[in-house]
PDB file of N, CA and C in Angstrom:
ATOM      1  N   MET A   1      76.619 145.628  54.079  1.00  0.00           N
ATOM      2  CA  MET A   1      75.600 145.477  55.225  1.00  0.00           C
ATOM      3  C   MET A   1      75.634 146.323  56.215  1.00  0.00           C
ATOM      4  N   CYS A   2      74.565 146.811  56.585  1.00  0.00           N
ATOM      5  CA  CYS A   2      74.395 147.857  57.761  1.00  0.00           C
ATOM      6  C   CYS A   2      73.155 147.689  58.349  1.00  0.00           C
ATOM      7  N   PHE A   3      72.774 148.773  59.461  1.00  0.00           N
ATOM      8  CA  PHE A   3      71.481 148.427  60.349  1.00  0.00           C
ATOM      9  C   PHE A   3      70.940 149.574  59.979  1.00  0.00           C
ATOM     10  N   SER A   4      69.378 149.367  59.735  1.00  0.00           N
ATOM     11  CA  SER A   4      68.358 150.318  59.456  1.00  0.00           C
ATOM     12  C   SER A   4      67.772 150.671  60.812  1.00  0.00           C
ATOM     13  N   TYR A   5      67.310 152.149  60.949  1.00  0.00           N
ATOM     14  CA  TYR A   5      66.558 152.465  62.403  1.00  0.00           C
ATOM     15  C   TYR A   5      65.165 153.083  61.863  1.00  0.00           C
ATOM     16  N   LYS A   6      64.933 152.731  60.674  1.00  0.00           N
ATOM     17  CA  LYS A   6      63.376 153.156  60.134  1.00  0.00           C
ATOM     18  C   LYS A   6      62.322 152.422  61.041  1.00  0.00           C
ATOM     19  N   LYS A   7      62.418 151.531  61.534  1.00  0.00           N
ATOM     20  CA  LYS A   7      61.520 151.025  62.764  1.00  0.00           C
ATOM     21  C   LYS A   7      61.548 152.016  63.982  1.00  0.00           C
ATOM     22  N   LEU A   8      62.624 152.263  64.343  1.00  0.00           N
ATOM     23  CA  LEU A   8      62.731 153.259  65.714  1.00  0.00           C
ATOM     24  C   LEU A   8      61.883 154.548  65.148  1.00  0.00           C
ATOM     25  N   TRP A   9      62.086 155.137  63.893  1.00  0.00           N
ATOM     26  CA  TRP A   9      61.358 156.546  63.586  1.00  0.00           C
ATOM     27  C   TRP A   9      59.932 156.151  63.145  1.00  0.00           C
ATOM     28  N   LYS A  10      59.544 154.993  62.571  1.00  0.00           N
ATOM     29  CA  LYS A  10      58.127 154.822  62.510  1.00  0.00           C
ATOM     30  C   LYS A  10      57.320 154.605  63.986  1.00  0.00           C
ATOM     31  N   LEU A  11      58.119 153.722  65.039  1.00  0.00           N
ATOM     32  CA  LEU A  11      57.529 153.685  66.332  1.00  0.00           C
ATOM     33  C   LEU A  11      57.383 155.184  66.924  1.00  0.00           C
ATOM     34  N   LEU A  12      58.230 155.921  66.798  1.00  0.00           N
ATOM     35  CA  LEU A  12      58.207 157.246  67.119  1.00  0.00           C
ATOM     36  C   LEU A  12      56.846 157.929  66.927  1.00  0.00           C
ATOM     37  N   ILE A  13      56.530 158.023  65.643  1.00  0.00           N
ATOM     38  CA  ILE A  13      55.667 158.551  65.066  1.00  0.00           C
ATOM     39  C   ILE A  13      54.521 158.079  65.173  1.00  0.00           C
ATOM     40  N   ASP A  14      54.423 156.722  65.425  1.00  0.00           N
ATOM     41  CA  ASP A  14      52.991 155.847  66.070  1.00  0.00           C
ATOM     42  C   ASP A  14      52.805 156.399  67.215  1.00  0.00           C
ATOM     43  N   ARG A  15      53.732 156.656  68.109  1.00  0.00           N
ATOM     44  CA  ARG A  15      53.567 157.068  69.580  1.00  0.00           C
ATOM     45  C   ARG A  15      53.492 158.167  69.657  1.00  0.00           C
ATOM     46  N   GLY A  16      53.760 159.278  68.681  1.00  0.00           N
ATOM     47  CA  GLY A  16      53.741 160.617  68.721  1.00  0.00           C
ATOM     48  C   GLY A  16      54.878 161.278  69.586  1.00  0.00           C
ATOM     49  N   ILE A  17      55.882 160.679  69.426  1.00  0.00           N
ATOM     50  CA  ILE A  17      57.035 161.050  70.320  1.00  0.00           C
ATOM     51  C   ILE A  17      58.155 161.672  69.366  1.00  0.00           C
ATOM     52  N   ASN A  18      58.449 163.016  69.425  1.00  0.00           N
ATOM     53  CA  ASN A  18      59.532 163.517  68.787  1.00  0.00           C
ATOM     54  C   ASN A  18      61.110 163.378  69.407  1.00  0.00           C
ATOM     55  N   LYS A  19      62.261 163.607  68.457  1.00  0.00           N
ATOM     56  CA  LYS A  19      63.492 163.329  68.792  1.00  0.00           C
ATOM     57  C   LYS A  19      64.012 163.968  69.987  1.00  0.00           C
ATOM     58  N   LYS A  20      63.378 165.223  70.166  1.00  0.00           N
ATOM     59  CA  LYS A  20      63.737 165.811  71.651  1.00  0.00           C
ATOM     60  C   LYS A  20      63.222 164.972  72.869  1.00  0.00           C
ATOM     61  N   THR A  21      61.795 164.442  72.503  1.00  0.00           N
ATOM     62  CA  THR A  21      61.349 163.855  73.955  1.00  0.00           C
ATOM     63  C   THR A  21      62.156 162.497  74.080  1.00  0.00           C
ATOM     64  N   LEU A  22      62.405 161.906  72.797  1.00  0.00           N
ATOM     65  CA  LEU A  22      63.195 160.638  73.275  1.00  0.00           C
ATOM     66  C   LEU A  22      64.108 160.860  73.887  1.00  0.00           C
ATOM     67  N   ARG A  23      65.122 161.887  73.389  1.00  0.00           N
ATOM     68  CA  ARG A  23      66.563 162.343  73.946  1.00  0.00           C
ATOM     69  C   ARG A  23      66.158 162.367  75.729  1.00  0.00           C
ATOM     70  N   GLU A  24      64.983 163.202  75.762  1.00  0.00           N
ATOM     71  CA  GLU A  24      64.821 163.324  77.592  1.00  0.00           C
ATOM     72  C   GLU A  24      64.264 161.869  78.090  1.00  0.00           C
ATOM     73  N   MET A  25      63.644 161.323  77.340  1.00  0.00           N
ATOM     74  CA  MET A  25      63.159 159.872  78.185  1.00  0.00           C
ATOM     75  C   MET A  25      64.237 158.851  78.405  1.00  0.00           C
ATOM     76  N   SER A  26      65.009 158.812  77.199  1.00  0.00           N
ATOM     77  CA  SER A  26      66.044 157.891  77.275  1.00  0.00           C
ATOM     78  C   SER A  26      67.441 158.473  77.665  1.00  0.00           C
ATOM     79  N   GLY A  27      67.829 159.847  77.750  1.00  0.00           N
ATOM     80  CA  GLY A  27      68.951 160.179  78.174  1.00  0.00           C
ATOM     81  C   GLY A  27      70.144 160.160  77.214  1.00  0.00           C
ATOM     82  N   ILE A  28      69.659 159.747  76.098  1.00  0.00           N
ATOM     83  CA  ILE A  28      70.888 159.745  75.112  1.00  0.00           C
ATOM     84  C   ILE A  28      71.212 161.264  74.676  1.00  0.00           C
ATOM     85  N   SER A  29      72.193 161.464  73.935  1.00  0.00           N
ATOM     86  CA  SER A  29      72.580 162.588  73.388  1.00  0.00           C
ATOM     87  C   SER A  29      71.915 163.279  72.051  1.00  0.00           C
ATOM     88  N   ALA A  30      72.118 164.308  71.576  1.00  0.00           N
ATOM     89  CA  ALA A  30      71.736 164.808  70.459  1.00  0.00           C
ATOM     90  C   ALA A  30      72.494 164.076  69.621  1.00  0.00           C
ATOM     91  N   THR A  31      73.887 164.030  69.374  1.00  0.00           N
ATOM     92  CA  THR A  31      74.634 163.462  68.899  1.00  0.00           C
ATOM     93  C   THR A  31      74.490 162.063  68.456  1.00  0.00           C
ATOM     94  N   SER A  32      74.004 161.177  69.490  1.00  0.00           N
ATOM     95  CA  SER A  32      73.611 159.772  69.222  1.00  0.00           C
ATOM     96  C   SER A  32      72.482 159.729  68.400  1.00  0.00           C
ATOM     97  N   VAL A  33      71.343 160.686  68.689  1.00  0.00           N
ATOM     98  CA  VAL A  33      70.146 160.771  67.618  1.00  0.00           C
ATOM     99  C   VAL A  33      70.619 161.047  66.540  1.00  0.00           C
ATOM    100  N   ALA A  34      71.593 161.981  66.031  1.00  0.00           N
ATOM    101  CA  ALA A  34      71.885 162.347  64.860  1.00  0.00           C
ATOM    102  C   ALA A  34      72.662 160.993  64.085  1.00  0.00           C
ATOM    103  N   LYS A  35      73.238 160.356  64.622  1.00  0.00           N
ATOM    104  CA  LYS A  35      74.103 159.003  64.410  1.00  0.00           C
ATOM    105  C   LYS A  35      73.206 158.241  63.915  1.00  0.00           C
ATOM    106  N   LEU A  36      71.925 158.004  64.674  1.00  0.00           N
ATOM    107  CA  LEU A  36      70.745 157.107  64.238  1.00  0.00           C
ATOM    108  C   LEU A  36      70.157 157.582  62.981  1.00  0.00           C
ATOM    109  N   GLY A  37      69.970 158.819  62.689  1.00  0.00           N
ATOM    110  CA  GLY A  37      69.575 159.348  61.547  1.00  0.00           C
ATOM    111  C   GLY A  37      70.347 159.069  60.200  1.00  0.00           C
ATOM    112  N   LYS A  38      71.368 158.968  60.301  1.00  0.00           N
ATOM    113  CA  LYS A  38      72.288 158.735  59.334  1.00  0.00           C
ATOM    114  C   LYS A  38      72.571 157.403  59.197  1.00  0.00           C
ATOM    115  N   GLY A  39      71.870 156.463  60.096  1.00  0.00           N
ATOM    116  CA  GLY A  39      72.094 155.061  60.057  1.00  0.00           C
ATOM    117  C   GLY A  39      73.564 154.738  60.388  1.00  0.00           C
ATOM    118  N   ALA A  40      74.443 155.499  61.234  1.00  0.00           N
ATOM    119  CA  ALA A  40      75.840 155.410  61.727  1.00  0.00           C
ATOM    120  C   ALA A  40      75.928 154.331  62.837  1.00  0.00           C
ATOM    121  N   ASN A  41      76.796 153.932  63.126  1.00  0.00           N
ATOM    122  CA  ASN A  41      77.129 153.200  64.495  1.00  0.00           C
ATOM    123  C   ASN A  41      77.093 153.730  65.803  1.00  0.00           C
ATOM    124  N   VAL A  42      76.237 153.326  66.584  1.00  0.00           N
ATOM    125  CA  VAL A  42      76.088 153.771  67.698  1.00  0.00           C
ATOM    126  C   VAL A  42      76.480 152.539  68.958  1.00  0.00           C
ATOM    127  N   ASN A  43      76.745 153.078  70.176  1.00  0.00           N
ATOM    128  CA  ASN A  43      77.213 152.165  71.289  1.00  0.00           C
ATOM    129  C   ASN A  43      75.872 151.208  71.563  1.00  0.00           C
ATOM    130  N   THR A  44      75.854 150.390  71.941  1.00  0.00           N
ATOM    131  CA  THR A  44      75.024 149.141  72.433  1.00  0.00           C
ATOM    132  C   THR A  44      74.107 149.884  73.511  1.00  0.00           C
ATOM    133  N   ASP A  45      74.921 150.776  74.608  1.00  0.00           N
ATOM    134  CA  ASP A  45      74.475 151.411  75.634  1.00  0.00           C
ATOM    135  C   ASP A  45      73.045 152.565  75.091  1.00  0.00           C
ATOM    136  N   VAL A  46      73.359 153.097  74.051  1.00  0.00           N
ATOM    137  CA  VAL A  46      72.323 153.989  73.604  1.00  0.00           C
ATOM    138  C   VAL A  46      70.884 152.997  72.997  1.00  0.00           C
ATOM    139  N   LEU A  47      71.350 152.031  72.400  1.00  0.00           N
ATOM    140  CA  LEU A  47      70.227 151.108  71.933  1.00  0.00           C
ATOM    141  C   LEU A  47      69.274 150.743  73.329  1.00  0.00           C
ATOM    142  N   LEU A  48      70.006 150.143  74.345  1.00  0.00           N
ATOM    143  CA  LEU A  48      69.479 149.836  75.673  1.00  0.00           C
ATOM    144  C   LEU A  48      68.871 151.059  76.065  1.00  0.00           C
ATOM    145  N   ARG A  49      69.172 152.096  76.277  1.00  0.00           N
ATOM    146  CA  ARG A  49      68.421 153.111  76.767  1.00  0.00           C
ATOM    147  C   ARG A  49      67.060 153.565  76.017  1.00  0.00           C
ATOM    148  N   ILE A  50      67.301 153.486  74.817  1.00  0.00           N
ATOM    149  CA  ILE A  50      66.190 153.647  73.762  1.00  0.00           C
ATOM    150  C   ILE A  50      65.148 152.465  74.146  1.00  0.00           C
ATOM    151  N   CYS A  51      65.424 151.253  74.306  1.00  0.00           N
ATOM    152  CA  CYS A  51      64.688 150.154  74.198  1.00  0.00           C
ATOM    153  C   CYS A  51      63.892 150.413  75.773  1.00  0.00           C
ATOM    154  N   GLY A  52      64.666 150.679  76.626  1.00  0.00           N
ATOM    155  CA  GLY A  52      64.134 150.875  77.997  1.00  0.00           C
ATOM    156  C   GLY A  52      63.015 151.905  78.309  1.00  0.00           C
ATOM    157  N   ALA A  53      63.219 153.214  77.444  1.00  0.00           N
ATOM    158  CA  ALA A  53      62.358 154.096  77.497  1.00  0.00           C
ATOM    159  C   ALA A  53      61.026 154.223  76.537  1.00  0.00           C
ATOM    160  N   LEU A  54      61.163 153.263  75.784  1.00  0.00           N
ATOM    161  CA  LEU A  54      60.082 152.893  74.803  1.00  0.00           C
ATOM    162  C   LEU A  54      59.446 151.851  75.453  1.00  0.00           C
ATOM    163  N   ASN A  55      60.225 151.033  76.229  1.00  0.00           N
ATOM    164  CA  ASN A  55      59.439 149.633  76.777  1.00  0.00           C
ATOM    165  C   ASN A  55      59.353 148.816  75.506  1.00  0.00           C
ATOM    166  N   CYS A  56      60.525 148.291  74.608  1.00  0.00           N
ATOM    167  CA  CYS A  56      60.672 147.544  73.561  1.00  0.00           C
ATOM    168  C   CYS A  56      61.548 146.946  72.977  1.00  0.00           C
ATOM    169  N   ASP A  57      61.632 146.067  72.472  1.00  0.00           N
ATOM    170  CA  ASP A  57      62.758 145.252  72.015  1.00  0.00           C
ATOM    171  C   ASP A  57      63.914 145.848  71.061  1.00  0.00           C
ATOM    172  N   VAL A  58      64.832 145.418  71.068  1.00  0.00           N
ATOM    173  CA  VAL A  58      65.633 146.119  70.032  1.00  0.00           C
ATOM    174  C   VAL A  58      65.376 145.845  68.492  1.00  0.00           C
ATOM    175  N   GLY A  59      64.838 144.639  68.547  1.00  0.00           N
ATOM    176  CA  GLY A  59      64.182 144.201  67.154  1.00  0.00           C
ATOM    177  C   GLY A  59      63.190 145.281  66.760  1.00  0.00           C
ATOM    178  N   ASP A  60      62.537 145.846  67.620  1.00  0.00           N
ATOM    179  CA  ASP A  60      61.499 146.911  67.280  1.00  0.00           C
ATOM    180  C   ASP A  60      61.897 147.964  66.761  1.00  0.00           C
ATOM    181  N   ILE A  61      63.491 148.462  67.235  1.00  0.00           N
ATOM    182  CA  ILE A  61      63.910 149.702  66.611  1.00  0.00           C
ATOM    183  C   ILE A  61      64.807 149.846  65.577  1.00  0.00           C
ATOM    184  N   MET A  62      65.461 148.628  65.187  1.00  0.00           N
ATOM    185  CA  MET A  62      66.295 148.509  64.061  1.00  0.00           C
ATOM    186  C   MET A  62      66.270 146.961  63.497  1.00  0.00           C
ATOM    187  N   GLU A  63      67.064 147.237  62.219  1.00  0.00           N
ATOM    188  CA  GLU A  63      67.162 145.819  61.243  1.00  0.00           C
ATOM    189  C   GLU A  63      68.198 145.769  60.779  1.00  0.00           C
ATOM    190  N   PHE A  64      68.477 144.667  60.478  1.00  0.00           N
ATOM    191  CA  PHE A  64      70.085 144.335  59.881  1.00  0.00           C
ATOM    192  C   PHE A  64      69.427 144.234  58.230  1.00  0.00           C
ATOM    193  N   VAL A  65      70.185 144.837  57.466  1.00  0.00           N
ATOM    194  CA  VAL A  65      70.186 144.998  55.765  1.00  0.00           C
ATOM    195  C   VAL A  65      71.068 144.847  55.279  1.00  0.00           C
ATOM    196  N   ARG A  66      70.926 143.990  54.298  1.00  0.00           N
ATOM    197  CA  ARG A  66      72.040 143.393  53.445  1.00  0.00           C
ATOM    198  C   ARG A  66      71.868 144.563  52.043  1.00  0.00           C
ATOM    199  N   ASP A  67      73.181 144.792  51.818  1.00  0.00           N
ATOM    200  CA  ASP A  67      73.402 145.434  50.248  1.00  0.00           C
ATOM    201  C   ASP A  67      72.404 144.619  49.299  1.00  0.00           C
ATOM    202  N   GLU A  68      72.387 145.239  48.208  1.00  0.00           N
ATOM    203  CA  GLU A  68      71.649 144.470  47.148  1.00  0.00           C
ATOM    204  C   GLU A  68      73.046 143.694  46.626  1.00  0.00           C
ATOM    205  N   ASN A  69      74.206 143.933  46.369  1.00  0.00           N
ATOM    206  CA  ASN A  69      75.187 143.219  45.873  1.00  0.00           C
ATOM    207  C   ASN A  69      75.863 142.105  46.909  1.00  0.00           C
ATOM    208  N   TYR A  70      75.154 141.984  48.125  1.00  0.00           N
ATOM    209  CA  TYR A  70      76.003 141.300  49.102  1.00  0.00           C
ATOM    210  C   TYR A  70      76.130 139.812  48.486  1.00  0.00           C
ATOM    211  N   GLU A  71      74.798 139.319  48.118  1.00  0.00           N
ATOM    212  CA  GLU A  71      74.720 138.013  47.717  1.00  0.00           C
ATOM    213  C   GLU A  71      75.817 137.454  46.486  1.00  0.00           C
ATOM    214  N   GLU A  72      75.701 138.290  45.870  1.00  0.00           N
ATOM    215  CA  GLU A  72      76.770 138.729  44.319  1.00  0.00           C
ATOM    216  C   GLU A  72      78.117 138.413  44.791  1.00  0.00           C
ATOM    217  N   GLN A  73      78.457 139.407  45.814  1.00  0.00           N
ATOM    218  CA  GLN A  73      79.743 139.531  46.308  1.00  0.00           C
ATOM    219  C   GLN A  73      80.353 138.373  47.132  1.00  0.00           C
ATOM    220  N   ALA A  74      79.400 137.698  47.944  1.00  0.00           N
ATOM    221  CA  ALA A  74      79.759 136.362  48.583  1.00  0.00           C
ATOM    222  C   ALA A  74      79.910 135.219  47.828  1.00  0.00           C
ATOM    223  N   ARG A  75      79.029 135.506  46.361  1.00  0.00           N
ATOM    224  CA  ARG A  75      79.579 134.073  45.490  1.00  0.00           C
ATOM    225  C   ARG A  75      80.824 134.368  45.130  1.00  0.00           C
ATOM    226  N   LYS A  76      81.027 135.448  44.323  1.00  0.00           N
ATOM    227  CA  LYS A  76      82.456 135.749  43.953  1.00  0.00           C
ATOM    228  C   LYS A  76      83.726 135.681  44.988  1.00  0.00           C
ATOM    229  N   ASP A  77      83.449 135.734  46.199  1.00  0.00           N
ATOM    230  CA  ASP A  77      84.680 135.692  47.210  1.00  0.00           C
ATOM    231  C   ASP A  77      84.664 134.011  47.299  1.00  0.00           C
ATOM    232  N   ALA A  78      83.413 133.310  47.169  1.00  0.00           N
ATOM    233  CA  ALA A  78      83.718 131.842  47.697  1.00  0.00           C
ATOM    234  C   ALA A  78      84.033 130.989  46.433  1.00  0.00           C
ATOM    235  N   PHE A  79      83.867 131.454  45.259  1.00  0.00           N
ATOM    236  CA  PHE A  79      84.573 131.098  43.758  1.00  0.00           C
ATOM    237  C   PHE A  79      84.999 131.995  42.837  1.00  0.00           C
ATOM    238  N   PRO A  80      86.120 132.537  43.819  1.00  0.00           N
ATOM    239  CA  PRO A  80      86.882 133.594  42.833  1.00  0.00           C
ATOM    240  C   PRO A  80      87.380 133.269  41.214  1.00  0.00           C
ATOM    241  N   ASN A  81      87.220 131.867  40.909  1.00  0.00           N
ATOM    242  CA  ASN A  81      87.870 131.679  39.486  1.00  0.00           C
ATOM    243  C   ASN A  81      86.979 131.524  38.887  1.00  0.00           C
ATOM    244  N   GLY A  82      85.371 131.666  38.842  1.00  0.00           N
ATOM    245  CA  GLY A  82      84.235 130.884  38.237  1.00  0.00           C
ATOM    246  C   GLY A  82      83.337 131.223  38.498  1.00  0.00           C
TER     247      GLY A  82
END
């Protein structure tokens, strides 16, 4: 399970905003932008700043994505003997 920031990148494209401008608008670091690009964990403050700068909700910039095998693994964990 992970978070995907594809919605953020699409929103930036739709609004004609590049990553450097996003950094300047929100006051986040280049490291944070790089982490977002890799789908890595970022502090909620980073997400709050981005949402404030873009005047949007957190659901507009990210989404929760389950691994393909998540359901299968959950079933095995619930019923380990069968």
